Amino acid sequence: MSENFSDQVFLEYVIKSLVDNPQDVKIDRKVDELGVLLTLDINPADMGKIIGRQGNTAKAIRTLLRVVGMKNNARVNLKINEPEGSRRDSQTQTPSASESVDQAMQDLKL
């Protein structure tokens, strides 16, 4: 990180404090007409720590980044890249609402 941007420094500090593999944290910062986009890459084993239950940790981090951005008159957004080899695939995804209802209807016919 050659330039010292407060939003990027803040995000790096928070993320490295939460994960077990801080050496794998990579943050890319891009600025365009919509504002600042911080893209986060982490170790696959740490994904759950950053997302949190029902995404609450990620939401909190995004909220804090918006506050940092407001202080600097910038709109800051966070994109968390899904790491290669993550456990989320077509077999482990939760069923859609209609599939859940269909399954419940079948279970009732026993």
PDB file of N, CA and C in Angstrom:
ATOM      1  N   MET A   1       0.852  -1.166   0.000  1.00  0.00           N
ATOM      2  CA  MET A   1       0.000   0.000   0.000  1.00  0.00           C
ATOM      3  C   MET A   1       0.899   1.231   0.000  1.00  0.00           C
ATOM      4  N   SER A   2       1.121   1.797  -1.148  1.00  0.00           N
ATOM      5  CA  SER A   2       2.055   2.905  -1.252  1.00  0.00           C
ATOM      6  C   SER A   2       1.436   4.218  -0.791  1.00  0.00           C
ATOM      7  N   GLU A   3       0.145   4.425  -1.058  1.00  0.00           N
ATOM      8  CA  GLU A   3      -0.505   5.656  -0.635  1.00  0.00           C
ATOM      9  C   GLU A   3      -1.284   5.390   0.637  1.00  0.00           C
ATOM     10  N   ASN A   4      -1.414   6.407   1.479  1.00  0.00           N
ATOM     11  CA  ASN A   4      -2.033   6.237   2.776  1.00  0.00           C
ATOM     12  C   ASN A   4      -3.460   6.776   2.751  1.00  0.00           C
ATOM     13  N   PHE A   5      -4.444   5.920   2.419  1.00  0.00           N
ATOM     14  CA  PHE A   5      -5.850   6.299   2.395  1.00  0.00           C
ATOM     15  C   PHE A   5      -6.492   5.797   3.682  1.00  0.00           C
ATOM     16  N   SER A   6      -7.168   6.684   4.407  1.00  0.00           N
ATOM     17  CA  SER A   6      -7.704   6.309   5.710  1.00  0.00           C
ATOM     18  C   SER A   6      -8.716   5.178   5.632  1.00  0.00           C
ATOM     19  N   ASP A   7      -9.537   5.134   4.565  1.00  0.00           N
ATOM     20  CA  ASP A   7     -10.519   4.059   4.458  1.00  0.00           C
ATOM     21  C   ASP A   7      -9.842   2.710   4.262  1.00  0.00           C
ATOM     22  N   GLN A   8      -8.817   2.663   3.448  1.00  0.00           N
ATOM     23  CA  GLN A   8      -8.102   1.415   3.188  1.00  0.00           C
ATOM     24  C   GLN A   8      -7.318   0.972   4.423  1.00  0.00           C
ATOM     25  N   VAL A   9      -6.675   1.916   5.101  1.00  0.00           N
ATOM     26  CA  VAL A   9      -5.927   1.603   6.320  1.00  0.00           C
ATOM     27  C   VAL A   9      -6.869   1.086   7.402  1.00  0.00           C
ATOM     28  N   PHE A  10      -8.022   1.740   7.543  1.00  0.00           N
ATOM     29  CA  PHE A  10      -9.019   1.312   8.527  1.00  0.00           C
ATOM     30  C   PHE A  10      -9.499  -0.102   8.237  1.00  0.00           C
ATOM     31  N   LEU A  11      -9.866  -0.378   6.986  1.00  0.00           N
ATOM     32  CA  LEU A  11     -10.361  -1.695   6.614  1.00  0.00           C
ATOM     33  C   LEU A  11      -9.295  -2.763   6.863  1.00  0.00           C
ATOM     34  N   GLU A  12      -8.073  -2.476   6.474  1.00  0.00           N
ATOM     35  CA  GLU A  12      -6.992  -3.448   6.680  1.00  0.00           C
ATOM     36  C   GLU A  12      -6.809  -3.754   8.162  1.00  0.00           C
ATOM     37  N   TYR A  13      -6.862  -2.745   9.003  1.00  0.00           N
ATOM     38  CA  TYR A  13      -6.712  -2.945  10.444  1.00  0.00           C
ATOM     39  C   TYR A  13      -7.838  -3.818  10.997  1.00  0.00           C
ATOM     40  N   VAL A  14      -9.080  -3.519  10.626  1.00  0.00           N
ATOM     41  CA  VAL A  14     -10.232  -4.265  11.130  1.00  0.00           C
ATOM     42  C   VAL A  14     -10.177  -5.717  10.662  1.00  0.00           C
ATOM     43  N   ILE A  15      -9.947  -5.920   9.377  1.00  0.00           N
ATOM     44  CA  ILE A  15      -9.958  -7.279   8.822  1.00  0.00           C
ATOM     45  C   ILE A  15      -8.828  -8.112   9.410  1.00  0.00           C
ATOM     46  N   LYS A  16      -7.636  -7.559   9.464  1.00  0.00           N
ATOM     47  CA  LYS A  16      -6.497  -8.316  10.004  1.00  0.00           C
ATOM     48  C   LYS A  16      -6.688  -8.634  11.484  1.00  0.00           C
ATOM     49  N   SER A  17      -7.458  -7.821  12.186  1.00  0.00           N
ATOM     50  CA  SER A  17      -7.751  -8.093  13.594  1.00  0.00           C
ATOM     51  C   SER A  17      -8.739  -9.238  13.759  1.00  0.00           C
ATOM     52  N   LEU A  18      -9.566  -9.490  12.751  1.00  0.00           N
ATOM     53  CA  LEU A  18     -10.610 -10.512  12.839  1.00  0.00           C
ATOM     54  C   LEU A  18     -10.179 -11.893  12.349  1.00  0.00           C
ATOM     55  N   VAL A  19      -9.261 -11.951  11.405  1.00  0.00           N
ATOM     56  CA  VAL A  19      -8.942 -13.215  10.733  1.00  0.00           C
ATOM     57  C   VAL A  19      -7.788 -13.962  11.400  1.00  0.00           C
ATOM     58  N   ASP A  20      -7.690 -15.249  11.067  1.00  0.00           N
ATOM     59  CA  ASP A  20      -6.582 -16.075  11.556  1.00  0.00           C
ATOM     60  C   ASP A  20      -5.372 -16.029  10.633  1.00  0.00           C
ATOM     61  N   ASN A  21      -5.582 -15.579   9.398  1.00  0.00           N
ATOM     62  CA  ASN A  21      -4.505 -15.528   8.397  1.00  0.00           C
ATOM     63  C   ASN A  21      -4.335 -14.101   7.877  1.00  0.00           C
ATOM     64  N   PRO A  22      -3.833 -13.188   8.711  1.00  0.00           N
ATOM     65  CA  PRO A  22      -3.730 -11.784   8.272  1.00  0.00           C
ATOM     66  C   PRO A  22      -2.775 -11.577   7.098  1.00  0.00           C
ATOM     67  N   GLN A  23      -1.841 -12.492   6.905  1.00  0.00           N
ATOM     68  CA  GLN A  23      -0.893 -12.361   5.802  1.00  0.00           C
ATOM     69  C   GLN A  23      -1.579 -12.546   4.445  1.00  0.00           C
ATOM     70  N   ASP A  24      -2.782 -13.148   4.431  1.00  0.00           N
ATOM     71  CA  ASP A  24      -3.500 -13.391   3.179  1.00  0.00           C
ATOM     72  C   ASP A  24      -4.477 -12.279   2.822  1.00  0.00           C
ATOM     73  N   VAL A  25      -4.577 -11.241   3.649  1.00  0.00           N
ATOM     74  CA  VAL A  25      -5.514 -10.143   3.398  1.00  0.00           C
ATOM     75  C   VAL A  25      -4.959  -9.234   2.305  1.00  0.00           C
ATOM     76  N   LYS A  26      -5.764  -9.029   1.265  1.00  0.00           N
ATOM     77  CA  LYS A  26      -5.386  -8.117   0.175  1.00  0.00           C
ATOM     78  C   LYS A  26      -6.550  -7.177  -0.084  1.00  0.00           C
ATOM     79  N   ILE A  27      -6.253  -5.898  -0.145  1.00  0.00           N
ATOM     80  CA  ILE A  27      -7.287  -4.890  -0.365  1.00  0.00           C
ATOM     81  C   ILE A  27      -6.895  -4.054  -1.572  1.00  0.00           C
ATOM     82  N   ASP A  28      -7.826  -3.971  -2.531  1.00  0.00           N
ATOM     83  CA  ASP A  28      -7.615  -3.164  -3.733  1.00  0.00           C
ATOM     84  C   ASP A  28      -8.545  -1.962  -3.635  1.00  0.00           C
ATOM     85  N   ARG A  29      -8.050  -0.774  -3.946  1.00  0.00           N
ATOM     86  CA  ARG A  29      -8.843   0.460  -3.848  1.00  0.00           C
ATOM     87  C   ARG A  29      -8.958   1.092  -5.222  1.00  0.00           C
ATOM     88  N   LYS A  30     -10.204   1.334  -5.644  1.00  0.00           N
ATOM     89  CA  LYS A  30     -10.454   1.992  -6.926  1.00  0.00           C
ATOM     90  C   LYS A  30     -11.395   3.165  -6.694  1.00  0.00           C
ATOM     91  N   VAL A  31     -11.123   4.258  -7.384  1.00  0.00           N
ATOM     92  CA  VAL A  31     -11.958   5.453  -7.285  1.00  0.00           C
ATOM     93  C   VAL A  31     -12.547   5.745  -8.664  1.00  0.00           C
ATOM     94  N   ASP A  32     -13.865   5.966  -8.704  1.00  0.00           N
ATOM     95  CA  ASP A  32     -14.515   6.368  -9.945  1.00  0.00           C
ATOM     96  C   ASP A  32     -15.585   7.409  -9.627  1.00  0.00           C
ATOM     97  N   GLU A  33     -16.461   7.686 -10.592  1.00  0.00           N
ATOM     98  CA  GLU A  33     -17.462   8.728 -10.394  1.00  0.00           C
ATOM     99  C   GLU A  33     -18.484   8.363  -9.320  1.00  0.00           C
ATOM    100  N   LEU A  34     -18.606   7.075  -8.986  1.00  0.00           N
ATOM    101  CA  LEU A  34     -19.545   6.644  -7.954  1.00  0.00           C
ATOM    102  C   LEU A  34     -18.954   6.692  -6.550  1.00  0.00           C
ATOM    103  N   GLY A  35     -17.645   6.817  -6.452  1.00  0.00           N
ATOM    104  CA  GLY A  35     -16.985   6.868  -5.151  1.00  0.00           C
ATOM    105  C   GLY A  35     -15.818   5.906  -5.086  1.00  0.00           C
ATOM    106  N   VAL A  36     -15.560   5.410  -3.884  1.00  0.00           N
ATOM    107  CA  VAL A  36     -14.433   4.520  -3.633  1.00  0.00           C
ATOM    108  C   VAL A  36     -14.958   3.090  -3.520  1.00  0.00           C
ATOM    109  N   LEU A  37     -14.308   2.170  -4.207  1.00  0.00           N
ATOM    110  CA  LEU A  37     -14.638   0.753  -4.092  1.00  0.00           C
ATOM    111  C   LEU A  37     -13.427   0.032  -3.522  1.00  0.00           C
ATOM    112  N   LEU A  38     -13.615  -0.568  -2.343  1.00  0.00           N
ATOM    113  CA  LEU A  38     -12.575  -1.385  -1.729  1.00  0.00           C
ATOM    114  C   LEU A  38     -12.942  -2.840  -1.976  1.00  0.00           C
ATOM    115  N   THR A  39     -12.017  -3.579  -2.583  1.00  0.00           N
ATOM    116  CA  THR A  39     -12.240  -4.990  -2.880  1.00  0.00           C
ATOM    117  C   THR A  39     -11.357  -5.813  -1.958  1.00  0.00           C
ATOM    118  N   LEU A  40     -11.979  -6.740  -1.232  1.00  0.00           N
ATOM    119  CA  LEU A  40     -11.290  -7.519  -0.219  1.00  0.00           C
ATOM    120  C   LEU A  40     -11.105  -8.960  -0.663  1.00  0.00           C
ATOM    121  N   ASP A  41      -9.886  -9.458  -0.569  1.00  0.00           N
ATOM    122  CA  ASP A  41      -9.569 -10.862  -0.800  1.00  0.00           C
ATOM    123  C   ASP A  41      -8.968 -11.410   0.487  1.00  0.00           C
ATOM    124  N   ILE A  42      -9.502 -12.558   0.949  1.00  0.00           N
ATOM    125  CA  ILE A  42      -9.008 -13.170   2.176  1.00  0.00           C
ATOM    126  C   ILE A  42      -8.852 -14.673   1.985  1.00  0.00           C
ATOM    127  N   ASN A  43      -8.252 -15.308   2.964  1.00  0.00           N
ATOM    128  CA  ASN A  43      -8.107 -16.758   2.984  1.00  0.00           C
ATOM    129  C   ASN A  43      -9.490 -17.387   3.093  1.00  0.00           C
ATOM    130  N   PRO A  44      -9.765 -18.462   2.338  1.00  0.00           N
ATOM    131  CA  PRO A  44     -11.088 -19.100   2.408  1.00  0.00           C
ATOM    132  C   PRO A  44     -11.504 -19.516   3.813  1.00  0.00           C
ATOM    133  N   ALA A  45     -10.555 -19.897   4.647  1.00  0.00           N
ATOM    134  CA  ALA A  45     -10.863 -20.321   6.013  1.00  0.00           C
ATOM    135  C   ALA A  45     -11.395 -19.172   6.872  1.00  0.00           C
ATOM    136  N   ASP A  46     -11.107 -17.937   6.480  1.00  0.00           N
ATOM    137  CA  ASP A  46     -11.518 -16.767   7.265  1.00  0.00           C
ATOM    138  C   ASP A  46     -12.826 -16.143   6.786  1.00  0.00           C
ATOM    139  N   MET A  47     -13.408 -16.661   5.731  1.00  0.00           N
ATOM    140  CA  MET A  47     -14.602 -16.052   5.146  1.00  0.00           C
ATOM    141  C   MET A  47     -15.744 -15.928   6.165  1.00  0.00           C
ATOM    142  N   GLY A  48     -15.976 -16.961   6.934  1.00  0.00           N
ATOM    143  CA  GLY A  48     -17.062 -16.929   7.907  1.00  0.00           C
ATOM    144  C   GLY A  48     -16.884 -15.863   8.964  1.00  0.00           C
ATOM    145  N   LYS A  49     -15.642 -15.592   9.338  1.00  0.00           N
ATOM    146  CA  LYS A  49     -15.377 -14.563  10.350  1.00  0.00           C
ATOM    147  C   LYS A  49     -15.696 -13.173   9.821  1.00  0.00           C
ATOM    148  N   ILE A  50     -15.478 -12.952   8.540  1.00  0.00           N
ATOM    149  CA  ILE A  50     -15.720 -11.640   7.943  1.00  0.00           C
ATOM    150  C   ILE A  50     -17.200 -11.447   7.616  1.00  0.00           C
ATOM    151  N   ILE A  51     -17.873 -12.496   7.173  1.00  0.00           N
ATOM    152  CA  ILE A  51     -19.293 -12.392   6.841  1.00  0.00           C
ATOM    153  C   ILE A  51     -20.127 -12.359   8.116  1.00  0.00           C
ATOM    154  N   GLY A  52     -19.852 -13.247   9.049  1.00  0.00           N
ATOM    155  CA  GLY A  52     -20.605 -13.304  10.300  1.00  0.00           C
ATOM    156  C   GLY A  52     -21.958 -13.967  10.118  1.00  0.00           C
ATOM    157  N   ARG A  53     -22.653 -14.140  11.218  1.00  0.00           N
ATOM    158  CA  ARG A  53     -23.985 -14.759  11.153  1.00  0.00           C
ATOM    159  C   ARG A  53     -24.950 -13.844  10.427  1.00  0.00           C
ATOM    160  N   GLN A  54     -25.587 -14.413   9.419  1.00  0.00           N
ATOM    161  CA  GLN A  54     -26.555 -13.699   8.585  1.00  0.00           C
ATOM    162  C   GLN A  54     -25.957 -12.421   7.986  1.00  0.00           C
ATOM    163  N   GLY A  55     -24.642 -12.394   7.836  1.00  0.00           N
ATOM    164  CA  GLY A  55     -23.982 -11.252   7.217  1.00  0.00           C
ATOM    165  C   GLY A  55     -23.837 -10.044   8.113  1.00  0.00           C
ATOM    166  N   ASN A  56     -24.058 -10.216   9.407  1.00  0.00           N
ATOM    167  CA  ASN A  56     -24.041  -9.058  10.313  1.00  0.00           C
ATOM    168  C   ASN A  56     -22.667  -8.414  10.457  1.00  0.00           C
ATOM    169  N   THR A  57     -21.601  -9.209  10.466  1.00  0.00           N
ATOM    170  CA  THR A  57     -20.256  -8.628  10.586  1.00  0.00           C
ATOM    171  C   THR A  57     -19.923  -7.818   9.334  1.00  0.00           C
ATOM    172  N   ALA A  58     -20.226  -8.361   8.164  1.00  0.00           N
ATOM    173  CA  ALA A  58     -19.971  -7.639   6.914  1.00  0.00           C
ATOM    174  C   ALA A  58     -20.782  -6.349   6.860  1.00  0.00           C
ATOM    175  N   LYS A  59     -22.040  -6.392   7.299  1.00  0.00           N
ATOM    176  CA  LYS A  59     -22.874  -5.181   7.325  1.00  0.00           C
ATOM    177  C   LYS A  59     -22.274  -4.131   8.243  1.00  0.00           C
ATOM    178  N   ALA A  60     -21.788  -4.563   9.408  1.00  0.00           N
ATOM    179  CA  ALA A  60     -21.195  -3.620  10.359  1.00  0.00           C
ATOM    180  C   ALA A  60     -19.928  -2.984   9.781  1.00  0.00           C
ATOM    181  N   ILE A  61     -19.098  -3.783   9.123  1.00  0.00           N
ATOM    182  CA  ILE A  61     -17.878  -3.254   8.507  1.00  0.00           C
ATOM    183  C   ILE A  61     -18.236  -2.241   7.421  1.00  0.00           C
ATOM    184  N   ARG A  62     -19.241  -2.547   6.614  1.00  0.00           N
ATOM    185  CA  ARG A  62     -19.669  -1.622   5.553  1.00  0.00           C
ATOM    186  C   ARG A  62     -20.202  -0.318   6.156  1.00  0.00           C
ATOM    187  N   THR A  63     -20.941  -0.423   7.240  1.00  0.00           N
ATOM    188  CA  THR A  63     -21.460   0.779   7.900  1.00  0.00           C
ATOM    189  C   THR A  63     -20.318   1.645   8.406  1.00  0.00           C
ATOM    190  N   LEU A  64     -19.338   1.032   9.042  1.00  0.00           N
ATOM    191  CA  LEU A  64     -18.190   1.788   9.544  1.00  0.00           C
ATOM    192  C   LEU A  64     -17.404   2.435   8.401  1.00  0.00           C
ATOM    193  N   LEU A  65     -17.288   1.725   7.282  1.00  0.00           N
ATOM    194  CA  LEU A  65     -16.595   2.307   6.128  1.00  0.00           C
ATOM    195  C   LEU A  65     -17.352   3.510   5.579  1.00  0.00           C
ATOM    196  N   ARG A  66     -18.667   3.465   5.598  1.00  0.00           N
ATOM    197  CA  ARG A  66     -19.452   4.619   5.145  1.00  0.00           C
ATOM    198  C   ARG A  66     -19.211   5.820   6.046  1.00  0.00           C
ATOM    199  N   VAL A  67     -19.086   5.568   7.353  1.00  0.00           N
ATOM    200  CA  VAL A  67     -18.805   6.661   8.294  1.00  0.00           C
ATOM    201  C   VAL A  67     -17.431   7.265   8.008  1.00  0.00           C
ATOM    202  N   VAL A  68     -16.432   6.413   7.781  1.00  0.00           N
ATOM    203  CA  VAL A  68     -15.095   6.898   7.427  1.00  0.00           C
ATOM    204  C   VAL A  68     -15.164   7.702   6.133  1.00  0.00           C
ATOM    205  N   GLY A  69     -15.951   7.209   5.166  1.00  0.00           N
ATOM    206  CA  GLY A  69     -16.100   7.921   3.904  1.00  0.00           C
ATOM    207  C   GLY A  69     -16.768   9.271   4.075  1.00  0.00           C
ATOM    208  N   MET A  70     -17.808   9.327   4.913  1.00  0.00           N
ATOM    209  CA  MET A  70     -18.501  10.608   5.138  1.00  0.00           C
ATOM    210  C   MET A  70     -17.554  11.633   5.753  1.00  0.00           C
ATOM    211  N   LYS A  71     -16.679  11.177   6.623  1.00  0.00           N
ATOM    212  CA  LYS A  71     -15.701  12.070   7.242  1.00  0.00           C
ATOM    213  C   LYS A  71     -14.774  12.679   6.187  1.00  0.00           C
ATOM    214  N   ASN A  72     -14.527  11.913   5.121  1.00  0.00           N
ATOM    215  CA  ASN A  72     -13.629  12.361   4.055  1.00  0.00           C
ATOM    216  C   ASN A  72     -14.383  12.791   2.794  1.00  0.00           C
ATOM    217  N   ASN A  73     -15.694  13.041   2.922  1.00  0.00           N
ATOM    218  CA  ASN A  73     -16.533  13.454   1.789  1.00  0.00           C
ATOM    219  C   ASN A  73     -16.435  12.509   0.604  1.00  0.00           C
ATOM    220  N   ALA A  74     -16.510  11.208   0.893  1.00  0.00           N
ATOM    221  CA  ALA A  74     -16.448  10.205  -0.165  1.00  0.00           C
ATOM    222  C   ALA A  74     -17.444   9.097   0.138  1.00  0.00           C
ATOM    223  N   ARG A  75     -17.937   8.482  -0.911  1.00  0.00           N
ATOM    224  CA  ARG A  75     -18.816   7.322  -0.748  1.00  0.00           C
ATOM    225  C   ARG A  75     -17.937   6.077  -0.858  1.00  0.00           C
ATOM    226  N   VAL A  76     -17.917   5.280   0.196  1.00  0.00           N
ATOM    227  CA  VAL A  76     -17.050   4.100   0.237  1.00  0.00           C
ATOM    228  C   VAL A  76     -17.912   2.843   0.244  1.00  0.00           C
ATOM    229  N   ASN A  77     -17.611   1.926  -0.676  1.00  0.00           N
ATOM    230  CA  ASN A  77     -18.302   0.641  -0.758  1.00  0.00           C
ATOM    231  C   ASN A  77     -17.286  -0.479  -0.620  1.00  0.00           C
ATOM    232  N   LEU A  78     -17.752  -1.621  -0.103  1.00  0.00           N
ATOM    233  CA  LEU A  78     -16.890  -2.779   0.089  1.00  0.00           C
ATOM    234  C   LEU A  78     -17.420  -3.956  -0.709  1.00  0.00           C
ATOM    235  N   LYS A  79     -16.534  -4.576  -1.475  1.00  0.00           N
ATOM    236  CA  LYS A  79     -16.851  -5.814  -2.192  1.00  0.00           C
ATOM    237  C   LYS A  79     -15.960  -6.907  -1.605  1.00  0.00           C
ATOM    238  N   ILE A  80     -16.582  -7.986  -1.159  1.00  0.00           N
ATOM    239  CA  ILE A  80     -15.830  -9.108  -0.609  1.00  0.00           C
ATOM    240  C   ILE A  80     -15.808 -10.203  -1.669  1.00  0.00           C
ATOM    241  N   ASN A  81     -14.627 -10.480  -2.199  1.00  0.00           N
ATOM    242  CA  ASN A  81     -14.494 -11.519  -3.218  1.00  0.00           C
ATOM    243  C   ASN A  81     -14.601 -12.890  -2.580  1.00  0.00           C
ATOM    244  N   GLU A  82     -15.370 -13.768  -3.220  1.00  0.00           N
ATOM    245  CA  GLU A  82     -15.472 -15.137  -2.742  1.00  0.00           C
ATOM    246  C   GLU A  82     -14.189 -15.855  -3.128  1.00  0.00           C
ATOM    247  N   PRO A  83     -13.476 -16.422  -2.160  1.00  0.00           N
ATOM    248  CA  PRO A  83     -12.193 -17.053  -2.463  1.00  0.00           C
ATOM    249  C   PRO A  83     -12.356 -18.333  -3.268  1.00  0.00           C
ATOM    250  N   GLU A  84     -11.303 -18.672  -4.008  1.00  0.00           N
ATOM    251  CA  GLU A  84     -11.267 -19.932  -4.748  1.00  0.00           C
ATOM    252  C   GLU A  84     -11.363 -21.079  -3.755  1.00  0.00           C
ATOM    253  N   GLY A  85     -12.118 -22.098  -4.125  1.00  0.00           N
ATOM    254  CA  GLY A  85     -12.216 -23.267  -3.254  1.00  0.00           C
ATOM    255  C   GLY A  85     -13.126 -23.077  -2.063  1.00  0.00           C
ATOM    256  N   SER A  86     -13.998 -22.081  -2.118  1.00  0.00           N
ATOM    257  CA  SER A  86     -14.913 -21.887  -0.993  1.00  0.00           C
ATOM    258  C   SER A  86     -15.917 -23.023  -0.956  1.00  0.00           C
ATOM    259  N   ARG A  87     -16.569 -23.192   0.178  1.00  0.00           N
ATOM    260  CA  ARG A  87     -17.478 -24.314   0.364  1.00  0.00           C
ATOM    261  C   ARG A  87     -18.833 -24.081  -0.270  1.00  0.00           C
ATOM    262  N   ARG A  88     -19.106 -22.891  -0.750  1.00  0.00           N
ATOM    263  CA  ARG A  88     -20.407 -22.600  -1.345  1.00  0.00           C
ATOM    264  C   ARG A  88     -20.423 -23.085  -2.783  1.00  0.00           C
ATOM    265  N   ASP A  89     -21.238 -24.065  -3.061  1.00  0.00           N
ATOM    266  CA  ASP A  89     -21.415 -24.528  -4.431  1.00  0.00           C
ATOM    267  C   ASP A  89     -22.865 -24.953  -4.604  1.00  0.00           C
ATOM    268  N   SER A  90     -23.193 -25.504  -5.748  1.00  0.00           N
ATOM    269  CA  SER A  90     -24.585 -25.816  -6.044  1.00  0.00           C
ATOM    270  C   SER A  90     -25.147 -26.877  -5.106  1.00  0.00           C
ATOM    271  N   GLN A  91     -24.318 -27.730  -4.532  1.00  0.00           N
ATOM    272  CA  GLN A  91     -24.809 -28.772  -3.639  1.00  0.00           C
ATOM    273  C   GLN A  91     -25.088 -28.257  -2.245  1.00  0.00           C
ATOM    274  N   THR A  92     -24.409 -27.202  -1.802  1.00  0.00           N
ATOM    275  CA  THR A  92     -24.563 -26.739  -0.425  1.00  0.00           C
ATOM    276  C   THR A  92     -25.441 -25.504  -0.303  1.00  0.00           C
ATOM    277  N   GLN A  93     -25.913 -24.957  -1.410  1.00  0.00           N
ATOM    278  CA  GLN A  93     -26.765 -23.779  -1.332  1.00  0.00           C
ATOM    279  C   GLN A  93     -28.106 -24.153  -0.743  1.00  0.00           C
ATOM    280  N   THR A  94     -28.697 -23.231  -0.007  1.00  0.00           N
ATOM    281  CA  THR A  94     -29.990 -23.495   0.600  1.00  0.00           C
ATOM    282  C   THR A  94     -31.061 -23.501  -0.482  1.00  0.00           C
ATOM    283  N   PRO A  95     -32.112 -24.302  -0.282  1.00  0.00           N
ATOM    284  CA  PRO A  95     -33.165 -24.360  -1.295  1.00  0.00           C
ATOM    285  C   PRO A  95     -33.943 -23.056  -1.353  1.00  0.00           C
ATOM    286  N   SER A  96     -34.546 -22.813  -2.508  1.00  0.00           N
ATOM    287  CA  SER A  96     -35.361 -21.613  -2.659  1.00  0.00           C
ATOM    288  C   SER A  96     -36.637 -21.773  -1.850  1.00  0.00           C
ATOM    289  N   ALA A  97     -37.375 -20.695  -1.692  1.00  0.00           N
ATOM    290  CA  ALA A  97     -38.615 -20.729  -0.916  1.00  0.00           C
ATOM    291  C   ALA A  97     -39.613 -21.703  -1.528  1.00  0.00           C
ATOM    292  N   SER A  98     -39.718 -21.720  -2.859  1.00  0.00           N
ATOM    293  CA  SER A  98     -40.678 -22.625  -3.500  1.00  0.00           C
ATOM    294  C   SER A  98     -40.269 -24.081  -3.313  1.00  0.00           C
ATOM    295  N   GLU A  99     -38.952 -24.368  -3.334  1.00  0.00           N
ATOM    296  CA  GLU A  99     -38.495 -25.733  -3.091  1.00  0.00           C
ATOM    297  C   GLU A  99     -38.787 -26.146  -1.655  1.00  0.00           C
ATOM    298  N   SER A 100     -38.631 -25.233  -0.712  1.00  0.00           N
ATOM    299  CA  SER A 100     -38.914 -25.521   0.690  1.00  0.00           C
ATOM    300  C   SER A 100     -40.395 -25.814   0.884  1.00  0.00           C
ATOM    301  N   VAL A 101     -41.253 -25.045   0.245  1.00  0.00           N
ATOM    302  CA  VAL A 101     -42.697 -25.257   0.347  1.00  0.00           C
ATOM    303  C   VAL A 101     -43.065 -26.597  -0.284  1.00  0.00           C
ATOM    304  N   ASP A 102     -42.486 -26.904  -1.446  1.00  0.00           N
ATOM    305  CA  ASP A 102     -42.754 -28.184  -2.104  1.00  0.00           C
ATOM    306  C   ASP A 102     -42.341 -29.351  -1.211  1.00  0.00           C
ATOM    307  N   GLN A 103     -41.184 -29.226  -0.578  1.00  0.00           N
ATOM    308  CA  GLN A 103     -40.706 -30.284   0.311  1.00  0.00           C
ATOM    309  C   GLN A 103     -41.624 -30.434   1.517  1.00  0.00           C
ATOM    310  N   ALA A 104     -42.073 -29.320   2.091  1.00  0.00           N
ATOM    311  CA  ALA A 104     -42.984 -29.371   3.234  1.00  0.00           C
ATOM    312  C   ALA A 104     -44.303 -30.042   2.849  1.00  0.00           C
ATOM    313  N   MET A 105     -44.806 -29.747   1.662  1.00  0.00           N
ATOM    314  CA  MET A 105     -46.058 -30.366   1.204  1.00  0.00           C
ATOM    315  C   MET A 105     -45.891 -31.878   1.043  1.00  0.00           C
ATOM    316  N   GLN A 106     -44.743 -32.299   0.515  1.00  0.00           N
ATOM    317  CA  GLN A 106     -44.481 -33.730   0.371  1.00  0.00           C
ATOM    318  C   GLN A 106     -44.387 -34.400   1.743  1.00  0.00           C
ATOM    319  N   ASP A 107     -43.750 -33.734   2.685  1.00  0.00           N
ATOM    320  CA  ASP A 107     -43.602 -34.298   4.036  1.00  0.00           C
ATOM    321  C   ASP A 107     -44.958 -34.469   4.712  1.00  0.00           C
ATOM    322  N   LEU A 108     -45.903 -33.582   4.449  1.00  0.00           N
ATOM    323  CA  LEU A 108     -47.212 -33.660   5.077  1.00  0.00           C
ATOM    324  C   LEU A 108     -48.045 -34.818   4.546  1.00  0.00           C
ATOM    325  N   LYS A 109     -47.717 -35.301   3.355  1.00  0.00           N
ATOM    326  CA  LYS A 109     -48.498 -36.381   2.732  1.00  0.00           C
ATOM    327  C   LYS A 109     -48.098 -37.758   3.221  1.00  0.00           C
ATOM    328  N   LEU A 110     -47.202 -37.849   4.175  1.00  0.00           N
ATOM    329  CA  LEU A 110     -46.741 -39.153   4.679  1.00  0.00           C
ATOM    330  C   LEU A 110     -47.834 -39.952   5.240  1.00  0.00           C
TER     331      LEU A 110
END
